[in-house]
C-alpha atoms as a PDB file:
ATOM      1  CA  MET A   1      -6.684   7.071  -3.312  1.00  0.00           C
ATOM      2  CA  ASP A   2      -5.724   7.558   0.321  1.00  0.00           C
ATOM      3  CA  TRP A   3      -1.944   7.132   0.224  1.00  0.00           C
ATOM      4  CA  ASN A   4      -1.825   6.706   4.021  1.00  0.00           C
ATOM      5  CA  HIS A   5      -4.208   3.725   4.041  1.00  0.00           C
ATOM      6  CA  TYR A   6      -2.735   0.211   3.941  1.00  0.00           C
ATOM      7  CA  ARG A   7      -4.117  -3.317   3.818  1.00  0.00           C
ATOM      8  CA  PHE A   8      -1.769  -6.193   4.443  1.00  0.00           C
ATOM      9  CA  ARG A   9      -2.137  -9.967   4.413  1.00  0.00           C
ATOM     10  CA  SER A  10       0.581 -12.446   5.280  1.00  0.00           C
ATOM     11  CA  LEU A  11       0.317 -16.234   5.307  1.00  0.00           C
ATOM     12  CA  TRP A  12       2.667 -18.238   7.464  1.00  0.00           C
ATOM     13  CA  LEU A  13       2.843 -22.025   7.068  1.00  0.00           C
ATOM     14  CA  LEU A  14       4.304 -23.386  10.284  1.00  0.00           C
ATOM     15  CA  PRO A  15       5.219 -26.999  11.122  1.00  0.00           C
ATOM     16  CA  ALA A  16       3.623 -26.877  14.572  1.00  0.00           C
ATOM     17  CA  PRO A  17       0.180 -27.669  15.989  1.00  0.00           C
ATOM     18  CA  PRO A  18      -2.386 -24.837  15.775  1.00  0.00           C
ATOM     19  CA  ALA A  19      -2.730 -24.707  19.577  1.00  0.00           C
ATOM     20  CA  ALA A  20       1.009 -24.066  20.008  1.00  0.00           C
ATOM     21  CA  VAL A  21       0.991 -21.334  17.347  1.00  0.00           C
ATOM     22  CA  TYR A  22      -2.087 -19.686  18.869  1.00  0.00           C
ATOM     23  CA  THR A  23      -0.528 -19.747  22.334  1.00  0.00           C
ATOM     24  CA  ALA A  24       2.650 -18.083  21.040  1.00  0.00           C
ATOM     25  CA  LEU A  25       0.719 -15.412  19.133  1.00  0.00           C
ATOM     26  CA  GLU A  26      -1.592 -14.545  22.025  1.00  0.00           C
ATOM     27  CA  ARG A  27       1.413 -13.719  24.239  1.00  0.00           C
ATOM     28  CA  ALA A  28       2.259 -10.388  22.618  1.00  0.00           C
ATOM     29  CA  GLU A  29       4.519  -9.421  25.521  1.00  0.00           C
ATOM     30  CA  ASP A  30       6.864 -12.214  24.345  1.00  0.00           C
ATOM     31  CA  TYR A  31       7.089 -10.948  20.737  1.00  0.00           C
ATOM     32  CA  PRO A  32      10.320  -8.976  21.340  1.00  0.00           C
ATOM     33  CA  ARG A  33      12.010 -12.267  22.331  1.00  0.00           C
ATOM     34  CA  TRP A  34      11.447 -13.851  18.937  1.00  0.00           C
ATOM     35  CA  TRP A  35      10.428 -11.053  16.524  1.00  0.00           C
ATOM     36  CA  PRO A  36      13.389  -8.694  16.028  1.00  0.00           C
ATOM     37  CA  GLN A  37      11.329  -5.791  14.674  1.00  0.00           C
ATOM     38  CA  VAL A  38       9.006  -5.748  17.686  1.00  0.00           C
ATOM     39  CA  ARG A  39      11.170  -3.593  19.899  1.00  0.00           C
ATOM     40  CA  SER A  40       8.912  -3.475  22.948  1.00  0.00           C
ATOM     41  CA  VAL A  41       5.506  -4.477  24.256  1.00  0.00           C
ATOM     42  CA  THR A  42       4.287  -2.995  27.519  1.00  0.00           C
ATOM     43  CA  ARG A  43       1.085  -4.332  29.031  1.00  0.00           C
ATOM     44  CA  LEU A  44      -1.161  -1.643  30.502  1.00  0.00           C
ATOM     45  CA  ASP A  45      -3.918  -4.030  31.629  1.00  0.00           C
ATOM     46  CA  ALA A  46      -5.402  -7.392  30.623  1.00  0.00           C
ATOM     47  CA  GLU A  47      -6.640  -6.126  27.216  1.00  0.00           C
ATOM     48  CA  THR A  48      -4.379  -3.162  26.427  1.00  0.00           C
ATOM     49  CA  GLY A  49      -0.714  -2.544  25.756  1.00  0.00           C
ATOM     50  CA  VAL A  50       1.739  -0.341  23.905  1.00  0.00           C
ATOM     51  CA  ILE A  51       3.845  -1.760  21.085  1.00  0.00           C
ATOM     52  CA  THR A  52       6.851  -0.234  19.337  1.00  0.00           C
ATOM     53  CA  ILE A  53       8.055  -1.688  16.048  1.00  0.00           C
ATOM     54  CA  ARG A  54      10.929  -0.818  13.762  1.00  0.00           C
ATOM     55  CA  SER A  55      11.965  -2.683  10.650  1.00  0.00           C
ATOM     56  CA  ALA A  56      14.615  -1.941   8.017  1.00  0.00           C
ATOM     57  CA  LEU A  57      13.759   1.723   7.483  1.00  0.00           C
ATOM     58  CA  PRO A  58      15.014   4.225  10.079  1.00  0.00           C
ATOM     59  CA  TYR A  59      11.747   4.955  11.856  1.00  0.00           C
ATOM     60  CA  GLY A  60       9.775   3.370  14.639  1.00  0.00           C
ATOM     61  CA  LEU A  61       6.021   3.160  15.084  1.00  0.00           C
ATOM     62  CA  THR A  62       4.347   3.147  18.476  1.00  0.00           C
ATOM     63  CA  SER A  63       0.686   2.305  18.958  1.00  0.00           C
ATOM     64  CA  THR A  64      -1.678   1.439  21.745  1.00  0.00           C
ATOM     65  CA  VAL A  65      -3.129  -2.001  21.108  1.00  0.00           C
ATOM     66  CA  ARG A  66      -6.502  -3.048  22.528  1.00  0.00           C
ATOM     67  CA  GLU A  67      -7.750  -6.616  22.313  1.00  0.00           C
ATOM     68  CA  THR A  68     -11.159  -6.818  20.646  1.00  0.00           C
ATOM     69  CA  ARG A  69     -11.448 -10.573  20.116  1.00  0.00           C
ATOM     70  CA  ARG A  70      -9.726 -13.586  21.620  1.00  0.00           C
ATOM     71  CA  ASP A  71     -11.358 -16.807  20.431  1.00  0.00           C
ATOM     72  CA  PRO A  72      -9.150 -19.902  20.794  1.00  0.00           C
ATOM     73  CA  ALA A  73     -11.872 -22.197  19.395  1.00  0.00           C
ATOM     74  CA  ALA A  74     -11.990 -20.190  16.153  1.00  0.00           C
ATOM     75  CA  GLY A  75      -8.245 -19.473  16.235  1.00  0.00           C
ATOM     76  CA  VAL A  76      -8.802 -15.704  16.130  1.00  0.00           C
ATOM     77  CA  LEU A  77      -6.879 -12.914  17.848  1.00  0.00           C
ATOM     78  CA  GLU A  78      -7.935  -9.390  16.908  1.00  0.00           C
ATOM     79  CA  VAL A  79      -6.848  -5.960  18.122  1.00  0.00           C
ATOM     80  CA  THR A  80      -7.395  -2.293  17.385  1.00  0.00           C
ATOM     81  CA  LEU A  81      -4.432   0.041  17.031  1.00  0.00           C
ATOM     82  CA  SER A  82      -4.204   3.748  17.798  1.00  0.00           C
ATOM     83  CA  GLY A  83      -1.185   6.022  17.680  1.00  0.00           C
ATOM     84  CA  ASP A  84       1.348   6.238  14.858  1.00  0.00           C
ATOM     85  CA  ILE A  85      -0.918   3.809  13.014  1.00  0.00           C
ATOM     86  CA  ASP A  86      -4.666   3.501  13.570  1.00  0.00           C
ATOM     87  CA  GLY A  87      -6.773   0.535  12.530  1.00  0.00           C
ATOM     88  CA  TRP A  88      -6.967  -3.158  13.290  1.00  0.00           C
ATOM     89  CA  ALA A  89      -4.969  -6.365  12.996  1.00  0.00           C
ATOM     90  CA  ARG A  90      -6.095  -9.995  13.154  1.00  0.00           C
ATOM     91  CA  TRP A  91      -4.371 -13.362  13.430  1.00  0.00           C
ATOM     92  CA  THR A  92      -6.384 -16.371  12.245  1.00  0.00           C
ATOM     93  CA  VAL A  93      -4.757 -19.686  13.146  1.00  0.00           C
ATOM     94  CA  LEU A  94      -5.990 -22.744  11.247  1.00  0.00           C
ATOM     95  CA  PRO A  95      -4.846 -26.310  10.633  1.00  0.00           C
ATOM     96  CA  GLY A  96      -2.826 -26.304   7.419  1.00  0.00           C
ATOM     97  CA  GLY A  97      -1.338 -29.428   5.907  1.00  0.00           C
ATOM     98  CA  PRO A  98       0.933 -31.121   8.437  1.00  0.00           C
ATOM     99  CA  GLY A  99       0.976 -28.039  10.681  1.00  0.00           C
ATOM    100  CA  THR A 100      -0.636 -24.637  10.875  1.00  0.00           C
ATOM    101  CA  LEU A 101      -1.605 -21.765   8.626  1.00  0.00           C
ATOM    102  CA  ALA A 102      -1.352 -18.452  10.486  1.00  0.00           C
ATOM    103  CA  ARG A 103      -3.015 -15.678   8.501  1.00  0.00           C
ATOM    104  CA  TYR A 104      -2.288 -12.069   9.423  1.00  0.00           C
ATOM    105  CA  ASP A 105      -4.631  -9.359   8.174  1.00  0.00           C
ATOM    106  CA  GLN A 106      -4.166  -5.689   8.927  1.00  0.00           C
ATOM    107  CA  GLU A 107      -5.881  -2.495   7.816  1.00  0.00           C
ATOM    108  CA  VAL A 108      -4.370   0.755   9.042  1.00  0.00           C
ATOM    109  CA  HIS A 109      -4.036   4.476   8.449  1.00  0.00           C
ATOM    110  CA  VAL A 110      -0.642   6.044   9.034  1.00  0.00           C
ATOM    111  CA  ARG A 111      -0.780   8.976  11.465  1.00  0.00           C
ATOM    112  CA  LYS A 112       2.939   9.623  12.021  1.00  0.00           C
ATOM    113  CA  PRO A 113       3.559  13.069  10.447  1.00  0.00           C
ATOM    114  CA  LEU A 114       6.828  12.305   8.638  1.00  0.00           C
ATOM    115  CA  LEU A 115       5.420   9.119   7.080  1.00  0.00           C
ATOM    116  CA  ARG A 116       2.282  10.987   6.000  1.00  0.00           C
ATOM    117  CA  LEU A 117       4.489  13.600   4.332  1.00  0.00           C
ATOM    118  CA  LEU A 118       6.396  10.862   2.472  1.00  0.00           C
ATOM    119  CA  ALA A 119       3.255   8.860   1.627  1.00  0.00           C
ATOM    120  CA  VAL A 120       3.435   8.984  -2.158  1.00  0.00           C
ATOM    121  CA  PRO A 121       7.153   8.515  -2.828  1.00  0.00           C
ATOM    122  CA  GLY A 122       7.631   6.246   0.198  1.00  0.00           C
ATOM    123  CA  ARG A 123       4.706   3.878  -0.305  1.00  0.00           C
ATOM    124  CA  PRO A 124       6.662   1.135  -2.156  1.00  0.00           C
ATOM    125  CA  LEU A 125       9.384   1.252   0.502  1.00  0.00           C
ATOM    126  CA  PHE A 126       6.839   1.160   3.340  1.00  0.00           C
ATOM    127  CA  ARG A 127       5.200  -1.925   1.813  1.00  0.00           C
ATOM    128  CA  LEU A 128       8.589  -3.607   1.332  1.00  0.00           C
ATOM    129  CA  ASN A 129       9.480  -2.732   4.915  1.00  0.00           C
ATOM    130  CA  HIS A 130       6.309  -4.484   6.096  1.00  0.00           C
ATOM    131  CA  ARG A 131       7.099  -7.597   4.019  1.00  0.00           C
ATOM    132  CA  LEU A 132      10.607  -7.769   5.480  1.00  0.00           C
ATOM    133  CA  MET A 133       9.216  -7.423   8.987  1.00  0.00           C
ATOM    134  CA  MET A 134       6.679 -10.201   8.441  1.00  0.00           C
ATOM    135  CA  ARG A 135       9.314 -12.505   6.909  1.00  0.00           C
ATOM    136  CA  ALA A 136      11.562 -11.997   9.945  1.00  0.00           C
ATOM    137  CA  GLY A 137       8.586 -12.566  12.253  1.00  0.00           C
ATOM    138  CA  ARG A 138       7.842 -15.929  10.652  1.00  0.00           C
ATOM    139  CA  ARG A 139      11.471 -17.014  10.964  1.00  0.00           C
ATOM    140  CA  GLY A 140      11.553 -15.898  14.599  1.00  0.00           C
ATOM    141  CA  LEU A 141       8.327 -17.704  15.414  1.00  0.00           C
ATOM    142  CA  LEU A 142       9.658 -20.897  13.812  1.00  0.00           C
ATOM    143  CA  ARG A 143      12.732 -20.746  16.076  1.00  0.00           C
ATOM    144  CA  HIS A 144      10.587 -19.916  19.102  1.00  0.00           C
ATOM    145  CA  LEU A 145       8.209 -22.834  18.477  1.00  0.00           C
ATOM    146  CA  ARG A 146      11.140 -25.238  18.402  1.00  0.00           C
ATOM    147  CA  THR A 147      12.111 -24.181  21.950  1.00  0.00           C
ATOM    148  CA  VAL A 148       8.690 -24.389  23.618  1.00  0.00           C
END
């Protein structure tokens, strides 16, 4: 088993139209306004930026993010990541009940040396840290959608 390889999936049910959710998620530069763990997003060009995240544990992760797919008709936003974590992440936004289902899938390898060193004993904490970050992101997006 590669202890530095992670797959994540989060499902967010949101009481907002899919188009509004998609619009909010495609504006990554606005994430720090509503997602507390996204500390900064700096656009480098139309398809590339640098993101820094930090959740409950005392470490930050910085990666270059490059858009690989933006398909509003299919509700898909997909990026590749390189830096402290390498891999990909994808939002899929679909109608869900009276609102929207936003599905987040991510597959990454940790490259940050300290986290690689702590891979085995830290893995449960790293996964919990991710869950906490995603829970806070959903709450922040709910508040944000009420204001737009």
